[in-house]
N, C-alpha and C. Protein backbone atom coordinates (compact mmCIF):
# COMPACT_ATOMS: atom_id res chain seq x y z
N MET A 1 36.59 21.81 -15.00
CA MET A 1 36.03 20.47 -14.74
C MET A 1 34.64 20.54 -15.27
N SER A 2 34.39 19.23 -15.94
CA SER A 2 32.98 19.10 -16.41
C SER A 2 32.17 18.49 -15.68
N ASN A 3 30.71 18.78 -15.61
CA ASN A 3 29.59 18.49 -15.07
C ASN A 3 28.70 17.17 -16.12
N LEU A 4 29.53 16.46 -16.22
CA LEU A 4 28.94 15.51 -17.45
C LEU A 4 29.96 14.21 -16.84
N PHE A 5 29.41 13.08 -16.80
CA PHE A 5 30.19 12.13 -16.29
C PHE A 5 29.86 11.05 -17.36
N THR A 6 30.65 10.34 -18.43
CA THR A 6 30.51 9.09 -18.98
C THR A 6 30.86 7.98 -18.49
N THR A 7 29.85 7.04 -18.86
CA THR A 7 30.16 5.46 -18.58
C THR A 7 29.65 4.13 -19.43
N THR A 8 30.10 3.33 -19.60
CA THR A 8 29.36 2.67 -20.41
C THR A 8 28.79 1.57 -19.86
N LEU A 9 27.42 0.98 -20.24
CA LEU A 9 26.50 0.21 -20.14
C LEU A 9 26.54 -1.01 -20.54
N ARG A 10 27.00 -1.96 -20.08
CA ARG A 10 26.70 -3.55 -20.33
C ARG A 10 26.17 -3.96 -20.16
N ILE A 11 25.05 -4.88 -21.00
CA ILE A 11 23.71 -5.80 -20.85
C ILE A 11 24.14 -6.93 -21.44
N ASN A 12 24.16 -7.97 -20.41
CA ASN A 12 24.36 -9.53 -20.95
C ASN A 12 23.16 -10.14 -21.32
N LEU A 13 22.28 -10.11 -22.68
CA LEU A 13 21.17 -10.41 -23.12
C LEU A 13 21.35 -12.02 -23.56
N THR A 14 22.01 -12.95 -22.95
CA THR A 14 22.71 -14.40 -22.39
C THR A 14 21.64 -14.26 -21.18
N LYS A 15 21.55 -13.46 -20.08
CA LYS A 15 20.86 -13.90 -18.54
C LYS A 15 19.51 -13.01 -18.71
N PRO A 16 18.74 -13.54 -17.76
CA PRO A 16 17.19 -12.98 -18.05
C PRO A 16 17.30 -11.80 -17.19
N GLU A 17 18.10 -11.57 -16.28
CA GLU A 17 18.24 -10.11 -15.78
C GLU A 17 18.36 -9.55 -16.82
N GLY A 18 19.29 -9.45 -17.80
CA GLY A 18 20.07 -8.77 -18.56
C GLY A 18 18.68 -8.50 -19.60
N ARG A 19 18.27 -9.42 -19.99
CA ARG A 19 17.22 -9.40 -21.23
C ARG A 19 15.66 -8.47 -20.48
N LYS A 20 15.57 -8.65 -19.20
CA LYS A 20 14.66 -7.93 -18.70
C LYS A 20 14.93 -6.59 -18.46
N ALA A 21 16.04 -6.33 -18.26
CA ALA A 21 16.33 -4.76 -18.03
C ALA A 21 16.63 -4.39 -19.45
N TRP A 22 16.54 -5.09 -20.71
CA TRP A 22 16.84 -4.30 -22.05
C TRP A 22 15.22 -3.88 -22.47
N ALA A 23 14.76 -4.71 -22.11
CA ALA A 23 13.41 -5.14 -22.63
C ALA A 23 12.52 -3.84 -21.67
N TYR A 24 12.84 -3.28 -20.61
CA TYR A 24 12.50 -2.34 -19.92
C TYR A 24 12.64 -0.95 -20.60
N LEU A 25 14.32 -1.01 -20.71
CA LEU A 25 15.11 0.53 -21.24
C LEU A 25 14.28 0.52 -22.69
N LYS A 26 14.06 -0.54 -23.64
CA LYS A 26 14.10 -0.64 -24.71
C LYS A 26 12.37 0.25 -24.45
N ASN A 27 11.41 -0.39 -23.74
CA ASN A 27 10.07 0.02 -24.37
C ASN A 27 9.67 0.81 -22.99
N ARG A 28 10.42 1.79 -22.48
CA ARG A 28 10.30 2.50 -21.59
C ARG A 28 9.13 3.82 -22.04
N ASP A 29 8.55 4.83 -21.13
CA ASP A 29 8.15 5.82 -21.79
C ASP A 29 8.57 6.62 -21.70
N LYS A 30 8.55 7.16 -22.69
CA LYS A 30 9.56 8.31 -23.80
C LYS A 30 9.10 9.60 -23.49
N SER A 31 7.80 9.70 -22.78
CA SER A 31 7.81 10.99 -22.76
C SER A 31 7.96 11.58 -21.25
N ARG A 32 8.11 10.40 -20.23
CA ARG A 32 8.77 10.51 -19.12
C ARG A 32 10.15 10.26 -19.13
N TYR A 33 11.11 9.10 -19.65
CA TYR A 33 12.23 9.07 -19.94
C TYR A 33 12.39 9.11 -21.04
N ARG A 34 13.03 10.45 -21.47
CA ARG A 34 13.73 11.09 -22.71
C ARG A 34 14.80 10.21 -23.36
N SER A 35 15.72 9.66 -22.57
CA SER A 35 17.06 8.93 -22.48
C SER A 35 17.11 7.63 -21.89
N TYR A 36 18.01 6.61 -22.18
CA TYR A 36 18.28 5.49 -21.75
C TYR A 36 18.75 6.48 -20.25
N SER A 37 19.66 7.10 -19.73
CA SER A 37 20.45 7.75 -18.94
C SER A 37 19.01 8.32 -17.94
N ASP A 38 18.48 8.74 -18.55
CA ASP A 38 17.12 9.38 -17.62
C ASP A 38 16.74 8.02 -17.35
N ALA A 39 16.04 7.26 -17.53
CA ALA A 39 15.52 5.72 -16.71
C ALA A 39 16.56 5.20 -15.93
N ILE A 40 17.98 5.11 -16.20
CA ILE A 40 19.02 4.59 -15.98
C ILE A 40 19.21 5.28 -13.96
N ILE A 41 18.96 6.87 -14.57
CA ILE A 41 19.37 7.52 -13.41
C ILE A 41 18.16 7.48 -12.08
N ALA A 42 16.83 7.55 -12.68
CA ALA A 42 15.47 7.37 -12.12
C ALA A 42 15.91 6.08 -11.07
N ALA A 43 15.86 4.94 -11.82
CA ALA A 43 15.76 3.72 -11.36
C ALA A 43 17.00 3.26 -10.53
N VAL A 44 18.29 3.82 -10.59
CA VAL A 44 19.25 3.62 -9.78
C VAL A 44 18.98 4.85 -8.44
N ASN A 45 18.61 6.01 -8.31
CA ASN A 45 18.20 6.45 -7.19
C ASN A 45 16.93 5.89 -6.76
N GLY A 46 16.15 5.47 -7.26
CA GLY A 46 14.86 4.83 -6.80
C GLY A 46 15.43 3.57 -5.85
N PHE A 47 16.00 2.74 -6.51
CA PHE A 47 16.57 1.43 -5.55
C PHE A 47 17.61 2.03 -4.66
N PHE A 48 18.43 2.92 -4.63
CA PHE A 48 18.94 3.31 -3.09
C PHE A 48 18.64 4.25 -2.28
N ASP A 49 17.86 4.95 -2.82
CA ASP A 49 16.72 5.90 -1.80
C ASP A 49 15.64 4.88 -1.12
N ARG A 50 15.37 3.41 -1.59
CA ARG A 50 14.53 2.76 -0.97
C ARG A 50 15.38 1.79 0.11
N GLU A 51 16.53 1.25 -0.66
CA GLU A 51 17.65 0.68 0.54
C GLU A 51 17.88 1.51 1.93
N GLN A 52 18.24 2.78 1.52
CA GLN A 52 18.00 3.81 2.76
C GLN A 52 16.97 3.84 3.52
N ARG A 53 15.72 3.76 3.44
CA ARG A 53 14.47 4.21 3.98
C ARG A 53 14.59 2.94 4.45
N LEU A 54 14.96 2.00 4.14
CA LEU A 54 14.65 0.26 4.55
C LEU A 54 15.47 0.47 6.07
N ALA A 55 16.89 0.79 5.57
CA ALA A 55 18.24 0.69 6.55
C ALA A 55 17.71 1.66 7.94
N ASP A 56 17.01 2.90 7.48
CA ASP A 56 16.55 3.89 8.58
C ASP A 56 15.43 2.97 9.66
N ASP A 57 14.20 2.46 8.65
CA ASP A 57 13.23 2.00 9.34
C ASP A 57 12.87 0.68 8.81
N PRO A 58 13.38 -0.48 9.83
CA PRO A 58 13.08 -2.02 8.90
C PRO A 58 11.86 -2.05 8.96
N TYR A 59 10.69 -1.69 9.65
CA TYR A 59 9.52 -2.31 9.46
C TYR A 59 8.78 -1.28 8.03
N LEU A 60 9.39 -0.48 7.38
CA LEU A 60 8.57 0.10 6.15
C LEU A 60 7.94 -0.72 5.39
N GLU A 61 8.40 -1.80 5.00
CA GLU A 61 8.47 -2.77 3.89
C GLU A 61 6.76 -3.54 4.50
N THR A 62 6.60 -3.58 5.63
CA THR A 62 5.71 -4.28 6.27
C THR A 62 4.64 -3.53 6.55
N ARG A 63 4.97 -2.35 6.34
CA ARG A 63 3.82 -0.71 6.88
C ARG A 63 2.96 -1.17 5.60
N GLU A 64 3.96 -1.11 4.29
CA GLU A 64 3.88 -1.00 2.99
C GLU A 64 2.87 -2.02 2.71
N LYS A 65 2.98 -3.32 3.02
CA LYS A 65 2.32 -4.30 2.56
C LYS A 65 1.03 -4.20 3.16
N GLU A 66 0.91 -4.11 4.25
CA GLU A 66 -0.48 -3.74 5.13
C GLU A 66 -1.32 -2.72 4.47
N ASP A 67 -0.55 -1.55 4.06
CA ASP A 67 -1.49 -0.66 3.74
C ASP A 67 -2.07 -0.92 2.11
N ALA A 68 -1.52 -1.99 1.24
CA ALA A 68 -1.61 -2.26 0.36
C ALA A 68 -3.03 -3.26 0.19
N PHE A 69 -2.54 -4.03 1.09
CA PHE A 69 -3.66 -5.19 1.79
C PHE A 69 -4.66 -4.33 2.15
N LEU A 70 -4.85 -2.91 2.81
CA LEU A 70 -6.24 -3.00 3.26
C LEU A 70 -6.74 -2.08 2.13
N GLN A 71 -5.93 -1.94 1.32
CA GLN A 71 -6.60 -0.78 0.22
C GLN A 71 -6.92 -1.42 -0.73
N ARG A 72 -7.01 -2.65 -1.27
CA ARG A 72 -7.45 -3.94 -2.12
C ARG A 72 -8.80 -4.10 -1.42
N VAL A 73 -9.16 -4.28 0.43
CA VAL A 73 -10.04 -4.79 1.02
C VAL A 73 -10.89 -3.70 0.74
N LEU A 74 -10.54 -2.30 1.02
CA LEU A 74 -11.36 -1.21 0.55
C LEU A 74 -11.98 -1.13 -0.72
N ASP A 75 -11.08 -1.24 -1.84
CA ASP A 75 -11.52 -1.39 -3.33
C ASP A 75 -12.36 -2.60 -3.25
N THR A 76 -12.15 -3.82 -2.82
CA THR A 76 -13.38 -4.82 -3.05
C THR A 76 -14.85 -4.41 -2.54
N VAL A 77 -14.85 -4.07 -1.15
CA VAL A 77 -16.45 -3.58 -0.48
C VAL A 77 -16.73 -2.57 -1.78
N GLN A 78 -16.08 -1.64 -1.70
CA GLN A 78 -16.34 0.12 -2.92
C GLN A 78 -17.47 -0.84 -3.50
N CYS A 79 -16.69 -1.67 -4.71
CA CYS A 79 -16.88 -2.57 -5.89
C CYS A 79 -18.09 -3.37 -5.46
N GLY A 80 -18.27 -3.67 -4.35
CA GLY A 80 -19.44 -4.50 -3.90
C GLY A 80 -20.67 -3.90 -3.88
N ALA A 81 -20.19 -2.81 -2.95
CA ALA A 81 -21.51 -1.79 -2.53
C ALA A 81 -22.06 -0.82 -4.08
N GLN A 82 -21.10 -0.63 -4.62
CA GLN A 82 -21.34 -0.46 -6.43
C GLN A 82 -22.47 -1.19 -6.99
N ALA A 83 -21.86 -2.35 -6.85
CA ALA A 83 -22.91 -3.24 -7.40
C ALA A 83 -24.78 -3.43 -7.33
N ASN A 84 -24.44 -3.63 -6.05
CA ASN A 84 -25.55 -3.76 -5.75
C ASN A 84 -25.70 -2.72 -4.34
N PRO A 85 -25.73 -1.41 -4.12
CA PRO A 85 -25.82 -0.39 -3.25
C PRO A 85 -26.83 -0.99 -1.82
N LEU A 86 -27.85 -1.34 -1.86
CA LEU A 86 -29.04 -1.19 -1.09
C LEU A 86 -29.10 -2.48 -0.45
N ASN A 87 -28.55 -3.78 -1.36
CA ASN A 87 -28.48 -5.19 -0.71
C ASN A 87 -27.20 -5.14 0.48
N GLY A 88 -26.21 -4.75 -0.43
CA GLY A 88 -24.75 -4.42 0.71
C GLY A 88 -25.05 -3.78 1.63
N LEU A 89 -25.45 -2.77 1.60
CA LEU A 89 -25.73 -1.53 2.87
C LEU A 89 -26.90 -2.65 3.76
N ALA A 90 -28.10 -3.01 3.27
CA ALA A 90 -28.78 -3.64 4.20
C ALA A 90 -27.86 -5.18 4.97
N ALA A 91 -26.93 -5.73 4.42
CA ALA A 91 -26.55 -6.79 4.74
C ALA A 91 -25.51 -6.09 5.84
N LEU A 92 -24.80 -4.97 5.29
CA LEU A 92 -23.94 -4.56 6.29
C LEU A 92 -24.31 -3.95 7.52
N LEU A 93 -25.86 -3.26 7.81
CA LEU A 93 -26.38 -2.89 8.86
C LEU A 93 -27.25 -3.99 9.74
N GLN A 94 -27.51 -5.36 9.15
CA GLN A 94 -27.87 -6.30 9.52
C GLN A 94 -26.91 -7.21 10.65
N SER A 95 -25.59 -7.05 9.72
CA SER A 95 -24.39 -7.81 10.07
C SER A 95 -23.90 -7.42 11.53
N THR A 96 -24.05 -5.69 11.77
CA THR A 96 -23.16 -5.22 12.60
C THR A 96 -24.22 -4.58 13.92
N ALA A 97 -25.52 -4.52 13.63
CA ALA A 97 -26.35 -4.06 14.60
C ALA A 97 -26.35 -4.88 15.62
N PRO A 98 -25.93 -4.80 17.12
CA PRO A 98 -26.36 -5.85 18.09
C PRO A 98 -27.82 -5.91 18.47
N PRO A 99 -28.51 -6.84 18.74
CA PRO A 99 -29.47 -7.06 19.32
C PRO A 99 -29.94 -6.40 20.28
N ALA A 100 -31.13 -5.88 20.81
CA ALA A 100 -31.60 -4.99 22.01
C ALA A 100 -31.09 -5.51 23.15
N ARG A 101 -31.26 -7.08 23.59
CA ARG A 101 -30.75 -7.40 24.46
C ARG A 101 -28.99 -7.33 25.09
N GLU A 102 -28.51 -7.17 23.90
CA GLU A 102 -26.97 -7.01 24.07
C GLU A 102 -26.57 -5.31 24.57
N ASN A 103 -27.65 -4.55 23.90
CA ASN A 103 -27.46 -3.24 24.05
C ASN A 103 -28.24 -2.75 25.69
N ALA A 104 -28.67 -3.34 26.05
CA ALA A 104 -29.45 -3.33 27.61
C ALA A 104 -28.34 -3.75 28.58
N ALA A 105 -27.17 -5.06 28.43
CA ALA A 105 -26.69 -5.68 28.60
C ALA A 105 -25.37 -5.15 28.88
N VAL A 106 -24.94 -4.15 28.08
CA VAL A 106 -24.03 -3.23 27.63
C VAL A 106 -24.24 -1.99 28.57
N GLN A 107 -25.19 -1.54 28.89
CA GLN A 107 -25.65 -0.51 29.50
C GLN A 107 -25.94 -0.79 30.82
N ASN A 108 -26.14 -2.04 31.20
CA ASN A 108 -25.90 -2.33 32.57
C ASN A 108 -25.01 -2.35 33.07
N ASP A 109 -23.58 -2.97 32.52
CA ASP A 109 -22.24 -3.00 32.71
C ASP A 109 -21.73 -1.75 32.70
N LEU A 110 -21.86 -0.53 31.70
CA LEU A 110 -21.94 0.63 32.34
C LEU A 110 -22.15 0.95 33.46
N ASP A 111 -23.26 0.91 33.48
CA ASP A 111 -23.65 1.45 35.22
C ASP A 111 -23.23 1.11 36.23
N THR A 112 -22.99 -0.26 36.06
CA THR A 112 -22.31 -1.02 37.17
C THR A 112 -20.92 -0.15 37.21
N ALA A 113 -20.06 0.21 36.37
CA ALA A 113 -18.86 0.76 36.11
C ALA A 113 -19.06 1.76 36.82
N MET A 114 -20.22 2.73 36.28
CA MET A 114 -19.98 3.97 37.02
C MET A 114 -20.52 4.40 38.65
N ASP A 115 -21.26 3.19 39.13
CA ASP A 115 -21.23 3.44 40.07
C ASP A 115 -20.03 3.03 41.07
N PHE A 116 -19.12 2.03 40.67
CA PHE A 116 -18.14 2.09 41.57
C PHE A 116 -17.08 2.51 41.07
N ILE A 117 -17.32 3.81 40.00
CA ILE A 117 -16.36 4.94 39.93
C ILE A 117 -16.81 6.09 41.04
N ASN A 118 -17.93 6.37 40.89
CA ASN A 118 -18.61 7.29 41.65
C ASN A 118 -18.14 6.91 43.36
N GLY A 119 -18.14 5.53 43.64
CA GLY A 119 -17.85 4.92 44.82
C GLY A 119 -16.38 5.34 45.42
N LEU A 120 -15.50 5.54 44.26
CA LEU A 120 -14.41 5.62 45.14
C LEU A 120 -14.03 7.38 45.76
């Protein structure tokens, strides 16, 4: 029995999906995908692996989108900090530092909570 399977691949170039697939195959990274077969195998395996992961974990796609969004936010903040690090840092510190009155109020609330807990 042979370990080689041969089939014919037909791509209809009159359809936009077919033209797009042919363009991907024709312009593939030949150092990574030495042949059409290598590219098609990677695409089929990637597609069905993802389908299986989504079936096993229906929230996978949502988490991936959230992670991508958070990464974009972090990249934007880093880019802004690199452009002008001192102004960016000063603005960040000023916007996050609570006023002294709030610190006193928070400490008072904590003291009250601790008195309550100690009284139990």
